[in-house]
Amino acid sequence: MANLHPDTRHLRRGGPGRPKGSKDRVTRTFKASIRQVFEEIASEDPDLIKTAVLRGLRGRPRESFPYVQLAAHYIDGKPADTVEVKSKSGSPCVVVLAPGVDTK
């Protein structure tokens, strides 16, 4: 298989990313417990979540941006990331689409 990125001199052996078998920074049990807490809050007091989101949306621009961005992603869907790949040799590039992306 051809090298897809022409300049790989700066990469260490094995390529970028986490090594196989490395431990998660945040454990799965911790993530599960946080999810459980939020599910309990959502079922017992949904107005609390609504109030927090509205407070975030109505905040100053710097603080409200993550809330507006999250709302846009839920309403319109997250836009596809565009990556431009240039090759010196002119060989074809590989394009990987995220699941659920319509190619028409």
C-alpha atoms as a PDB file:
ATOM      1  CA  MET A   1       0.000   0.000   0.000  1.00  0.00           C
ATOM      2  CA  ALA A   2       1.320   3.414  -0.927  1.00  0.00           C
ATOM      3  CA  ASN A   3       2.141   6.019   1.668  1.00  0.00           C
ATOM      4  CA  LEU A   4      -0.839   8.408   1.783  1.00  0.00           C
ATOM      5  CA  HIS A   5       1.014  11.286   3.426  1.00  0.00           C
ATOM      6  CA  PRO A   6       4.187  12.362   1.623  1.00  0.00           C
ATOM      7  CA  ASP A   7       5.978  13.854   4.637  1.00  0.00           C
ATOM      8  CA  THR A   8       6.130  11.327   7.489  1.00  0.00           C
ATOM      9  CA  ARG A   9       9.639  12.120   8.725  1.00  0.00           C
ATOM     10  CA  HIS A  10       8.314  13.857  11.839  1.00  0.00           C
ATOM     11  CA  LEU A  11       6.328  10.786  12.944  1.00  0.00           C
ATOM     12  CA  ARG A  12       7.710   8.209  15.317  1.00  0.00           C
ATOM     13  CA  ARG A  13       7.635   4.552  14.432  1.00  0.00           C
ATOM     14  CA  GLY A  14       4.129   3.166  14.583  1.00  0.00           C
ATOM     15  CA  GLY A  15       2.498   6.335  13.289  1.00  0.00           C
ATOM     16  CA  PRO A  16       0.352   8.872  15.083  1.00  0.00           C
ATOM     17  CA  GLY A  17      -2.189   8.034  17.729  1.00  0.00           C
ATOM     18  CA  ARG A  18      -2.336   6.035  20.901  1.00  0.00           C
ATOM     19  CA  PRO A  19      -0.405   2.786  21.050  1.00  0.00           C
ATOM     20  CA  LYS A  20      -2.499  -0.380  21.052  1.00  0.00           C
ATOM     21  CA  GLY A  21      -3.288  -1.556  24.542  1.00  0.00           C
ATOM     22  CA  SER A  22      -2.762   1.821  26.183  1.00  0.00           C
ATOM     23  CA  LYS A  23      -5.125   2.646  29.022  1.00  0.00           C
ATOM     24  CA  ASP A  24      -7.904   5.200  28.703  1.00  0.00           C
ATOM     25  CA  ARG A  25      -7.306   8.509  30.428  1.00  0.00           C
ATOM     26  CA  VAL A  26     -10.843   8.419  31.777  1.00  0.00           C
ATOM     27  CA  THR A  27     -11.983   4.958  32.786  1.00  0.00           C
ATOM     28  CA  ARG A  28     -15.092   3.402  31.297  1.00  0.00           C
ATOM     29  CA  THR A  29     -16.629   2.961  34.733  1.00  0.00           C
ATOM     30  CA  PHE A  30     -16.226   6.679  35.449  1.00  0.00           C
ATOM     31  CA  LYS A  31     -17.828   7.568  32.104  1.00  0.00           C
ATOM     32  CA  ALA A  32     -20.680   5.169  32.841  1.00  0.00           C
ATOM     33  CA  SER A  33     -21.256   6.691  36.267  1.00  0.00           C
ATOM     34  CA  ILE A  34     -21.325  10.229  34.836  1.00  0.00           C
ATOM     35  CA  ARG A  35     -23.775   9.091  32.147  1.00  0.00           C
ATOM     36  CA  GLN A  36     -25.968   7.552  34.868  1.00  0.00           C
ATOM     37  CA  VAL A  37     -25.973  10.808  36.844  1.00  0.00           C
ATOM     38  CA  PHE A  38     -27.061  12.813  33.792  1.00  0.00           C
ATOM     39  CA  GLU A  39     -29.737  10.253  32.894  1.00  0.00           C
ATOM     40  CA  GLU A  40     -31.111  10.504  36.444  1.00  0.00           C
ATOM     41  CA  ILE A  41     -31.154  14.299  36.266  1.00  0.00           C
ATOM     42  CA  ALA A  42     -32.851  14.179  32.850  1.00  0.00           C
ATOM     43  CA  SER A  43     -35.560  11.840  34.096  1.00  0.00           C
ATOM     44  CA  GLU A  44     -36.133  13.436  37.515  1.00  0.00           C
ATOM     45  CA  ASP A  45     -35.655  17.153  36.770  1.00  0.00           C
ATOM     46  CA  PRO A  46     -35.580  17.937  33.031  1.00  0.00           C
ATOM     47  CA  ASP A  47     -36.225  21.617  33.777  1.00  0.00           C
ATOM     48  CA  LEU A  48     -32.793  21.807  35.432  1.00  0.00           C
ATOM     49  CA  ILE A  49     -31.129  20.811  32.159  1.00  0.00           C
ATOM     50  CA  LYS A  50     -33.317  23.187  30.156  1.00  0.00           C
ATOM     51  CA  THR A  51     -32.480  26.057  32.505  1.00  0.00           C
ATOM     52  CA  ALA A  52     -28.745  25.347  32.290  1.00  0.00           C
ATOM     53  CA  VAL A  53     -28.801  25.182  28.481  1.00  0.00           C
ATOM     54  CA  LEU A  54     -30.827  28.395  28.210  1.00  0.00           C
ATOM     55  CA  ARG A  55     -28.453  30.142  30.613  1.00  0.00           C
ATOM     56  CA  GLY A  56     -25.547  28.989  28.450  1.00  0.00           C
ATOM     57  CA  LEU A  57     -27.217  30.130  25.219  1.00  0.00           C
ATOM     58  CA  ARG A  58     -27.989  33.554  26.687  1.00  0.00           C
ATOM     59  CA  GLY A  59     -24.489  34.097  28.055  1.00  0.00           C
ATOM     60  CA  ARG A  60     -21.758  36.282  26.652  1.00  0.00           C
ATOM     61  CA  PRO A  61     -20.557  35.258  23.173  1.00  0.00           C
ATOM     62  CA  ARG A  62     -17.415  33.477  24.351  1.00  0.00           C
ATOM     63  CA  GLU A  63     -19.330  31.412  26.920  1.00  0.00           C
ATOM     64  CA  SER A  64     -22.402  30.830  24.753  1.00  0.00           C
ATOM     65  CA  PHE A  65     -20.594  29.580  21.633  1.00  0.00           C
ATOM     66  CA  PRO A  66     -20.268  25.920  22.744  1.00  0.00           C
ATOM     67  CA  TYR A  67     -23.999  25.856  23.553  1.00  0.00           C
ATOM     68  CA  VAL A  68     -24.945  27.417  20.212  1.00  0.00           C
ATOM     69  CA  GLN A  69     -22.613  25.026  18.380  1.00  0.00           C
ATOM     70  CA  LEU A  70     -24.070  22.011  20.189  1.00  0.00           C
ATOM     71  CA  ALA A  71     -27.622  23.157  19.445  1.00  0.00           C
ATOM     72  CA  ALA A  72     -26.762  23.621  15.767  1.00  0.00           C
ATOM     73  CA  HIS A  73     -25.257  20.133  15.595  1.00  0.00           C
ATOM     74  CA  TYR A  74     -28.376  18.613  17.130  1.00  0.00           C
ATOM     75  CA  ILE A  75     -30.732  20.589  14.893  1.00  0.00           C
ATOM     76  CA  ASP A  76     -28.892  20.556  11.553  1.00  0.00           C
ATOM     77  CA  GLY A  77     -26.369  17.764  12.073  1.00  0.00           C
ATOM     78  CA  LYS A  78     -22.643  18.184  12.398  1.00  0.00           C
ATOM     79  CA  PRO A  79     -21.109  19.379   9.130  1.00  0.00           C
ATOM     80  CA  ALA A  80     -18.624  17.071   7.442  1.00  0.00           C
ATOM     81  CA  ASP A  81     -14.988  17.957   7.935  1.00  0.00           C
ATOM     82  CA  THR A  82     -13.223  18.785   4.682  1.00  0.00           C
ATOM     83  CA  VAL A  83      -9.612  17.764   4.246  1.00  0.00           C
ATOM     84  CA  GLU A  84      -7.573  18.802   1.246  1.00  0.00           C
ATOM     85  CA  VAL A  85      -4.818  16.362   0.372  1.00  0.00           C
ATOM     86  CA  LYS A  86      -2.137  17.228  -2.146  1.00  0.00           C
ATOM     87  CA  SER A  87       0.315  14.715  -3.490  1.00  0.00           C
ATOM     88  CA  LYS A  88       3.588  15.544  -5.222  1.00  0.00           C
ATOM     89  CA  SER A  89       3.437  12.340  -7.265  1.00  0.00           C
ATOM     90  CA  GLY A  90      -0.130  12.872  -8.458  1.00  0.00           C
ATOM     91  CA  SER A  91      -1.249   9.521  -7.061  1.00  0.00           C
ATOM     92  CA  PRO A  92      -4.939   9.181  -6.151  1.00  0.00           C
ATOM     93  CA  CYS A  93      -6.080  10.170  -2.686  1.00  0.00           C
ATOM     94  CA  VAL A  94      -8.227   8.116  -0.351  1.00  0.00           C
ATOM     95  CA  VAL A  95     -11.426   9.769   0.893  1.00  0.00           C
ATOM     96  CA  VAL A  96     -13.119   8.451   4.018  1.00  0.00           C
ATOM     97  CA  LEU A  97     -16.664   9.593   4.758  1.00  0.00           C
ATOM     98  CA  ALA A  98     -18.200   9.575   8.191  1.00  0.00           C
ATOM     99  CA  PRO A  99     -21.102   7.172   8.741  1.00  0.00           C
ATOM    100  CA  GLY A 100     -24.441   8.583   7.669  1.00  0.00           C
ATOM    101  CA  VAL A 101     -22.992  11.054   5.182  1.00  0.00           C
ATOM    102  CA  ASP A 102     -25.025  11.280   1.975  1.00  0.00           C
ATOM    103  CA  THR A 103     -22.713  11.199  -1.053  1.00  0.00           C
ATOM    104  CA  LYS A 104     -25.301  12.415  -3.573  1.00  0.00           C
END
